[in-house]
Amino acid sequence: MQAQPNIQKQHGDIPSSPDQQEPQQKTMYRILLIIGFVHLLNDSIQAIIPAMFPILENSMGLTFTQLGFIAFALNLTA
């Protein structure tokens, strides 16, 4: 009996044709810009709503407790 060489193709081998190559990872600038813009909107809302508390208090007749609940809900969802 002769020993057969154990030759197995591994995942790290070079593909036999260019069609089999996996696409390279590229930085997704569009996604990064969208995430950055949404983060800007979130920070803007968190700055605008507390600045409007005196207006909300006078126009809607809200108490400090109700304004506190608005601030709590705003921070809870952020």
PDB file of N, CA and C in Angstrom:
ATOM      1  N   MET A   1       0.823  -1.182   0.000  1.00  0.00           N
ATOM      2  CA  MET A   1       0.000   0.000   0.000  1.00  0.00           C
ATOM      3  C   MET A   1       0.867   1.246   0.000  1.00  0.00           C
ATOM      4  N   GLN A   2       0.478   2.157  -0.803  1.00  0.00           N
ATOM      5  CA  GLN A   2       1.198   3.414  -0.850  1.00  0.00           C
ATOM      6  C   GLN A   2       0.357   4.486  -0.169  1.00  0.00           C
ATOM      7  N   ALA A   3       1.040   5.379   0.507  1.00  0.00           N
ATOM      8  CA  ALA A   3       0.339   6.469   1.193  1.00  0.00           C
ATOM      9  C   ALA A   3      -0.052   7.529   0.169  1.00  0.00           C
ATOM     10  N   GLN A   4      -1.300   7.919   0.206  1.00  0.00           N
ATOM     11  CA  GLN A   4      -1.794   8.979  -0.678  1.00  0.00           C
ATOM     12  C   GLN A   4      -1.570  10.328  -0.003  1.00  0.00           C
ATOM     13  N   PRO A   5      -1.041  11.300  -0.716  1.00  0.00           N
ATOM     14  CA  PRO A   5      -0.882  12.622  -0.103  1.00  0.00           C
ATOM     15  C   PRO A   5      -2.258  13.238   0.162  1.00  0.00           C
ATOM     16  N   ASN A   6      -2.357  13.848   1.322  1.00  0.00           N
ATOM     17  CA  ASN A   6      -3.621  14.460   1.739  1.00  0.00           C
ATOM     18  C   ASN A   6      -3.636  15.918   1.274  1.00  0.00           C
ATOM     19  N   ILE A   7      -4.244  16.150   0.143  1.00  0.00           N
ATOM     20  CA  ILE A   7      -4.310  17.500  -0.414  1.00  0.00           C
ATOM     21  C   ILE A   7      -5.760  17.967  -0.324  1.00  0.00           C
ATOM     22  N   GLN A   8      -5.955  19.017   0.448  1.00  0.00           N
ATOM     23  CA  GLN A   8      -7.296  19.580   0.594  1.00  0.00           C
ATOM     24  C   GLN A   8      -7.245  21.057   0.247  1.00  0.00           C
ATOM     25  N   LYS A   9      -8.284  21.501  -0.387  1.00  0.00           N
ATOM     26  CA  LYS A   9      -8.370  22.923  -0.703  1.00  0.00           C
ATOM     27  C   LYS A   9      -8.916  23.646   0.529  1.00  0.00           C
ATOM     28  N   GLN A  10      -8.203  24.669   0.954  1.00  0.00           N
ATOM     29  CA  GLN A  10      -8.631  25.435   2.114  1.00  0.00           C
ATOM     30  C   GLN A  10      -9.257  26.736   1.655  1.00  0.00           C
ATOM     31  N   HIS A  11      -9.953  27.388   2.590  1.00  0.00           N
ATOM     32  CA  HIS A  11     -10.639  28.636   2.268  1.00  0.00           C
ATOM     33  C   HIS A  11      -9.662  29.751   1.923  1.00  0.00           C
ATOM     34  N   GLY A  12      -8.444  29.683   2.380  1.00  0.00           N
ATOM     35  CA  GLY A  12      -7.480  30.746   2.150  1.00  0.00           C
ATOM     36  C   GLY A  12      -6.783  30.660   0.801  1.00  0.00           C
ATOM     37  N   ASP A  13      -7.126  29.659  -0.009  1.00  0.00           N
ATOM     38  CA  ASP A  13      -6.481  29.510  -1.306  1.00  0.00           C
ATOM     39  C   ASP A  13      -6.869  30.644  -2.244  1.00  0.00           C
ATOM     40  N   ILE A  14      -6.030  30.873  -3.219  1.00  0.00           N
ATOM     41  CA  ILE A  14      -6.292  31.893  -4.230  1.00  0.00           C
ATOM     42  C   ILE A  14      -7.374  31.361  -5.168  1.00  0.00           C
ATOM     43  N   PRO A  15      -8.401  32.153  -5.446  1.00  0.00           N
ATOM     44  CA  PRO A  15      -9.454  31.676  -6.344  1.00  0.00           C
ATOM     45  C   PRO A  15      -8.908  31.429  -7.747  1.00  0.00           C
ATOM     46  N   SER A  16      -9.538  30.485  -8.442  1.00  0.00           N
ATOM     47  CA  SER A  16      -9.041  30.109  -9.758  1.00  0.00           C
ATOM     48  C   SER A  16      -9.399  31.121 -10.833  1.00  0.00           C
ATOM     49  N   SER A  17     -10.432  31.924 -10.622  1.00  0.00           N
ATOM     50  CA  SER A  17     -10.791  32.934 -11.617  1.00  0.00           C
ATOM     51  C   SER A  17     -11.153  34.238 -10.917  1.00  0.00           C
ATOM     52  N   PRO A  18     -11.063  35.366 -11.631  1.00  0.00           N
ATOM     53  CA  PRO A  18     -11.394  36.662 -11.014  1.00  0.00           C
ATOM     54  C   PRO A  18     -12.859  36.759 -10.589  1.00  0.00           C
ATOM     55  N   ASP A  19     -13.735  35.979 -11.225  1.00  0.00           N
ATOM     56  CA  ASP A  19     -15.157  36.021 -10.871  1.00  0.00           C
ATOM     57  C   ASP A  19     -15.411  35.486  -9.470  1.00  0.00           C
ATOM     58  N   GLN A  20     -14.530  34.657  -8.959  1.00  0.00           N
ATOM     59  CA  GLN A  20     -14.722  34.049  -7.654  1.00  0.00           C
ATOM     60  C   GLN A  20     -14.193  34.911  -6.518  1.00  0.00           C
ATOM     61  N   GLN A  21     -13.542  36.018  -6.829  1.00  0.00           N
ATOM     62  CA  GLN A  21     -12.991  36.867  -5.782  1.00  0.00           C
ATOM     63  C   GLN A  21     -14.109  37.613  -5.072  1.00  0.00           C
ATOM     64  N   GLU A  22     -13.974  37.746  -3.769  1.00  0.00           N
ATOM     65  CA  GLU A  22     -14.953  38.492  -2.985  1.00  0.00           C
ATOM     66  C   GLU A  22     -14.686  39.988  -3.129  1.00  0.00           C
ATOM     67  N   PRO A  23     -15.749  40.811  -3.133  1.00  0.00           N
ATOM     68  CA  PRO A  23     -15.527  42.259  -3.236  1.00  0.00           C
ATOM     69  C   PRO A  23     -14.830  42.787  -1.989  1.00  0.00           C
ATOM     70  N   GLN A  24     -13.978  43.793  -2.185  1.00  0.00           N
ATOM     71  CA  GLN A  24     -13.257  44.365  -1.058  1.00  0.00           C
ATOM     72  C   GLN A  24     -14.190  45.248  -0.245  1.00  0.00           C
ATOM     73  N   GLN A  25     -13.897  45.335   1.039  1.00  0.00           N
ATOM     74  CA  GLN A  25     -14.674  46.211   1.916  1.00  0.00           C
ATOM     75  C   GLN A  25     -14.282  47.654   1.646  1.00  0.00           C
ATOM     76  N   LYS A  26     -15.278  48.504   1.434  1.00  0.00           N
ATOM     77  CA  LYS A  26     -15.032  49.924   1.210  1.00  0.00           C
ATOM     78  C   LYS A  26     -15.747  50.708   2.299  1.00  0.00           C
ATOM     79  N   THR A  27     -15.229  51.860   2.593  1.00  0.00           N
ATOM     80  CA  THR A  27     -15.869  52.718   3.578  1.00  0.00           C
ATOM     81  C   THR A  27     -17.169  53.239   2.996  1.00  0.00           C
ATOM     82  N   MET A  28     -18.233  53.101   3.760  1.00  0.00           N
ATOM     83  CA  MET A  28     -19.549  53.530   3.305  1.00  0.00           C
ATOM     84  C   MET A  28     -19.783  54.971   3.737  1.00  0.00           C
ATOM     85  N   TYR A  29     -19.286  55.911   2.936  1.00  0.00           N
ATOM     86  CA  TYR A  29     -19.402  57.326   3.291  1.00  0.00           C
ATOM     87  C   TYR A  29     -20.854  57.783   3.321  1.00  0.00           C
ATOM     88  N   ARG A  30     -21.673  57.242   2.462  1.00  0.00           N
ATOM     89  CA  ARG A  30     -23.086  57.631   2.455  1.00  0.00           C
ATOM     90  C   ARG A  30     -23.750  57.263   3.776  1.00  0.00           C
ATOM     91  N   ILE A  31     -23.510  56.066   4.255  1.00  0.00           N
ATOM     92  CA  ILE A  31     -24.097  55.630   5.522  1.00  0.00           C
ATOM     93  C   ILE A  31     -23.547  56.459   6.673  1.00  0.00           C
ATOM     94  N   LEU A  32     -22.245  56.741   6.651  1.00  0.00           N
ATOM     95  CA  LEU A  32     -21.653  57.565   7.707  1.00  0.00           C
ATOM     96  C   LEU A  32     -22.253  58.968   7.723  1.00  0.00           C
ATOM     97  N   LEU A  33     -22.498  59.541   6.549  1.00  0.00           N
ATOM     98  CA  LEU A  33     -23.109  60.868   6.480  1.00  0.00           C
ATOM     99  C   LEU A  33     -24.545  60.850   6.994  1.00  0.00           C
ATOM    100  N   ILE A  34     -25.292  59.809   6.674  1.00  0.00           N
ATOM    101  CA  ILE A  34     -26.671  59.702   7.162  1.00  0.00           C
ATOM    102  C   ILE A  34     -26.686  59.571   8.675  1.00  0.00           C
ATOM    103  N   ILE A  35     -25.818  58.738   9.222  1.00  0.00           N
ATOM    104  CA  ILE A  35     -25.749  58.573  10.678  1.00  0.00           C
ATOM    105  C   ILE A  35     -25.351  59.880  11.342  1.00  0.00           C
ATOM    106  N   GLY A  36     -24.396  60.581  10.762  1.00  0.00           N
ATOM    107  CA  GLY A  36     -23.979  61.872  11.315  1.00  0.00           C
ATOM    108  C   GLY A  36     -25.097  62.898  11.283  1.00  0.00           C
ATOM    109  N   PHE A  37     -25.876  62.933  10.195  1.00  0.00           N
ATOM    110  CA  PHE A  37     -26.986  63.879  10.089  1.00  0.00           C
ATOM    111  C   PHE A  37     -28.079  63.566  11.104  1.00  0.00           C
ATOM    112  N   VAL A  38     -28.400  62.297  11.279  1.00  0.00           N
ATOM    113  CA  VAL A  38     -29.413  61.907  12.266  1.00  0.00           C
ATOM    114  C   VAL A  38     -28.938  62.245  13.673  1.00  0.00           C
ATOM    115  N   HIS A  39     -27.663  62.068  13.941  1.00  0.00           N
ATOM    116  CA  HIS A  39     -27.111  62.432  15.243  1.00  0.00           C
ATOM    117  C   HIS A  39     -27.221  63.941  15.463  1.00  0.00           C
ATOM    118  N   LEU A  40     -26.976  64.727  14.411  1.00  0.00           N
ATOM    119  CA  LEU A  40     -27.133  66.179  14.495  1.00  0.00           C
ATOM    120  C   LEU A  40     -28.578  66.554  14.816  1.00  0.00           C
ATOM    121  N   LEU A  41     -29.533  65.902  14.162  1.00  0.00           N
ATOM    122  CA  LEU A  41     -30.945  66.170  14.446  1.00  0.00           C
ATOM    123  C   LEU A  41     -31.296  65.827  15.891  1.00  0.00           C
ATOM    124  N   ASN A  42     -30.797  64.703  16.371  1.00  0.00           N
ATOM    125  CA  ASN A  42     -31.068  64.289  17.747  1.00  0.00           C
ATOM    126  C   ASN A  42     -30.512  65.313  18.736  1.00  0.00           C
ATOM    127  N   ASP A  43     -29.288  65.749  18.522  1.00  0.00           N
ATOM    128  CA  ASP A  43     -28.695  66.741  19.419  1.00  0.00           C
ATOM    129  C   ASP A  43     -29.426  68.076  19.336  1.00  0.00           C
ATOM    130  N   SER A  44     -29.893  68.436  18.145  1.00  0.00           N
ATOM    131  CA  SER A  44     -30.635  69.693  17.991  1.00  0.00           C
ATOM    132  C   SER A  44     -31.949  69.656  18.758  1.00  0.00           C
ATOM    133  N   ILE A  45     -32.658  68.553  18.660  1.00  0.00           N
ATOM    134  CA  ILE A  45     -33.929  68.421  19.383  1.00  0.00           C
ATOM    135  C   ILE A  45     -33.684  68.491  20.886  1.00  0.00           C
ATOM    136  N   GLN A  46     -32.620  67.841  21.358  1.00  0.00           N
ATOM    137  CA  GLN A  46     -32.330  67.868  22.791  1.00  0.00           C
ATOM    138  C   GLN A  46     -31.932  69.256  23.260  1.00  0.00           C
ATOM    139  N   ALA A  47     -31.482  70.119  22.377  1.00  0.00           N
ATOM    140  CA  ALA A  47     -31.135  71.489  22.761  1.00  0.00           C
ATOM    141  C   ALA A  47     -32.332  72.427  22.631  1.00  0.00           C
ATOM    142  N   ILE A  48     -33.209  72.172  21.667  1.00  0.00           N
ATOM    143  CA  ILE A  48     -34.332  73.078  21.404  1.00  0.00           C
ATOM    144  C   ILE A  48     -35.471  72.892  22.403  1.00  0.00           C
ATOM    145  N   ILE A  49     -35.826  71.653  22.703  1.00  0.00           N
ATOM    146  CA  ILE A  49     -36.985  71.401  23.580  1.00  0.00           C
ATOM    147  C   ILE A  49     -36.792  72.026  24.964  1.00  0.00           C
ATOM    148  N   PRO A  50     -35.672  71.809  25.661  1.00  0.00           N
ATOM    149  CA  PRO A  50     -35.523  72.469  26.973  1.00  0.00           C
ATOM    150  C   PRO A  50     -35.514  73.995  26.877  1.00  0.00           C
ATOM    151  N   ALA A  51     -35.025  74.534  25.778  1.00  0.00           N
ATOM    152  CA  ALA A  51     -35.046  75.987  25.613  1.00  0.00           C
ATOM    153  C   ALA A  51     -36.472  76.508  25.442  1.00  0.00           C
ATOM    154  N   MET A  52     -37.370  75.643  25.009  1.00  0.00           N
ATOM    155  CA  MET A  52     -38.772  76.027  24.827  1.00  0.00           C
ATOM    156  C   MET A  52     -39.616  75.845  26.087  1.00  0.00           C
ATOM    157  N   PHE A  53     -39.048  75.339  27.163  1.00  0.00           N
ATOM    158  CA  PHE A  53     -39.831  75.094  28.384  1.00  0.00           C
ATOM    159  C   PHE A  53     -40.567  76.333  28.885  1.00  0.00           C
ATOM    160  N   PRO A  54     -39.940  77.516  28.941  1.00  0.00           N
ATOM    161  CA  PRO A  54     -40.705  78.691  29.398  1.00  0.00           C
ATOM    162  C   PRO A  54     -41.892  79.017  28.487  1.00  0.00           C
ATOM    163  N   ILE A  55     -41.717  78.845  27.190  1.00  0.00           N
ATOM    164  CA  ILE A  55     -42.818  79.096  26.253  1.00  0.00           C
ATOM    165  C   ILE A  55     -43.924  78.068  26.456  1.00  0.00           C
ATOM    166  N   LEU A  56     -43.544  76.799  26.593  1.00  0.00           N
ATOM    167  CA  LEU A  56     -44.534  75.744  26.823  1.00  0.00           C
ATOM    168  C   LEU A  56     -45.262  75.950  28.147  1.00  0.00           C
ATOM    169  N   GLU A  57     -44.519  76.372  29.146  1.00  0.00           N
ATOM    170  CA  GLU A  57     -45.113  76.595  30.468  1.00  0.00           C
ATOM    171  C   GLU A  57     -46.183  77.689  30.405  1.00  0.00           C
ATOM    172  N   ASN A  58     -45.893  78.788  29.732  1.00  0.00           N
ATOM    173  CA  ASN A  58     -46.840  79.906  29.669  1.00  0.00           C
ATOM    174  C   ASN A  58     -47.993  79.635  28.710  1.00  0.00           C
ATOM    175  N   SER A  59     -47.712  79.106  27.535  1.00  0.00           N
ATOM    176  CA  SER A  59     -48.761  78.942  26.525  1.00  0.00           C
ATOM    177  C   SER A  59     -49.685  77.764  26.812  1.00  0.00           C
ATOM    178  N   MET A  60     -49.158  76.700  27.395  1.00  0.00           N
ATOM    179  CA  MET A  60     -49.976  75.510  27.640  1.00  0.00           C
ATOM    180  C   MET A  60     -50.341  75.349  29.110  1.00  0.00           C
ATOM    181  N   GLY A  61     -49.816  76.207  29.952  1.00  0.00           N
ATOM    182  CA  GLY A  61     -50.128  76.126  31.375  1.00  0.00           C
ATOM    183  C   GLY A  61     -49.563  74.884  32.044  1.00  0.00           C
ATOM    184  N   LEU A  62     -48.373  74.483  31.641  1.00  0.00           N
ATOM    185  CA  LEU A  62     -47.763  73.279  32.207  1.00  0.00           C
ATOM    186  C   LEU A  62     -47.103  73.588  33.544  1.00  0.00           C
ATOM    187  N   THR A  63     -47.091  72.576  34.410  1.00  0.00           N
ATOM    188  CA  THR A  63     -46.403  72.710  35.693  1.00  0.00           C
ATOM    189  C   THR A  63     -44.956  72.239  35.520  1.00  0.00           C
ATOM    190  N   PHE A  64     -44.151  72.484  36.561  1.00  0.00           N
ATOM    191  CA  PHE A  64     -42.758  72.022  36.510  1.00  0.00           C
ATOM    192  C   PHE A  64     -42.690  70.495  36.477  1.00  0.00           C
ATOM    193  N   THR A  65     -43.656  69.848  37.103  1.00  0.00           N
ATOM    194  CA  THR A  65     -43.700  68.380  37.078  1.00  0.00           C
ATOM    195  C   THR A  65     -43.935  67.882  35.656  1.00  0.00           C
ATOM    196  N   GLN A  66     -44.870  68.502  34.953  1.00  0.00           N
ATOM    197  CA  GLN A  66     -45.142  68.104  33.577  1.00  0.00           C
ATOM    198  C   GLN A  66     -43.947  68.387  32.670  1.00  0.00           C
ATOM    199  N   LEU A  67     -43.299  69.513  32.884  1.00  0.00           N
ATOM    200  CA  LEU A  67     -42.087  69.809  32.111  1.00  0.00           C
ATOM    201  C   LEU A  67     -40.982  68.801  32.423  1.00  0.00           C
ATOM    202  N   GLY A  68     -40.915  68.380  33.678  1.00  0.00           N
ATOM    203  CA  GLY A  68     -39.939  67.360  34.064  1.00  0.00           C
ATOM    204  C   GLY A  68     -40.207  66.038  33.370  1.00  0.00           C
ATOM    205  N   PHE A  69     -41.491  65.675  33.228  1.00  0.00           N
ATOM    206  CA  PHE A  69     -41.829  64.446  32.507  1.00  0.00           C
ATOM    207  C   PHE A  69     -41.461  64.552  31.026  1.00  0.00           C
ATOM    208  N   ILE A  70     -41.633  65.736  30.452  1.00  0.00           N
ATOM    209  CA  ILE A  70     -41.227  65.942  29.053  1.00  0.00           C
ATOM    210  C   ILE A  70     -39.714  65.769  28.924  1.00  0.00           C
ATOM    211  N   ALA A  71     -38.968  66.365  29.845  1.00  0.00           N
ATOM    212  CA  ALA A  71     -37.502  66.238  29.817  1.00  0.00           C
ATOM    213  C   ALA A  71     -37.080  64.785  30.033  1.00  0.00           C
ATOM    214  N   PHE A  72     -37.773  64.091  30.934  1.00  0.00           N
ATOM    215  CA  PHE A  72     -37.464  62.684  31.195  1.00  0.00           C
ATOM    216  C   PHE A  72     -37.712  61.837  29.949  1.00  0.00           C
ATOM    217  N   ALA A  73     -38.864  62.044  29.303  1.00  0.00           N
ATOM    218  CA  ALA A  73     -39.184  61.280  28.090  1.00  0.00           C
ATOM    219  C   ALA A  73     -38.185  61.583  26.974  1.00  0.00           C
ATOM    220  N   LEU A  74     -37.789  62.838  26.874  1.00  0.00           N
ATOM    221  CA  LEU A  74     -36.816  63.221  25.851  1.00  0.00           C
ATOM    222  C   LEU A  74     -35.476  62.519  26.074  1.00  0.00           C
ATOM    223  N   ASN A  75     -35.020  62.487  27.315  1.00  0.00           N
ATOM    224  CA  ASN A  75     -33.735  61.842  27.619  1.00  0.00           C
ATOM    225  C   ASN A  75     -33.831  60.325  27.570  1.00  0.00           C
ATOM    226  N   LEU A  76     -35.009  59.794  27.868  1.00  0.00           N
ATOM    227  CA  LEU A  76     -35.187  58.347  27.841  1.00  0.00           C
ATOM    228  C   LEU A  76     -35.125  57.812  26.412  1.00  0.00           C
ATOM    229  N   THR A  77     -35.675  58.567  25.478  1.00  0.00           N
ATOM    230  CA  THR A  77     -35.703  58.104  24.088  1.00  0.00           C
ATOM    231  C   THR A  77     -34.434  58.426  23.320  1.00  0.00           C
ATOM    232  N   ALA A  78     -33.564  59.232  23.887  1.00  0.00           N
ATOM    233  CA  ALA A  78     -32.346  59.622  23.155  1.00  0.00           C
ATOM    234  C   ALA A  78     -31.291  58.541  23.214  1.00  0.00           C
TER     235      ALA A  78
END
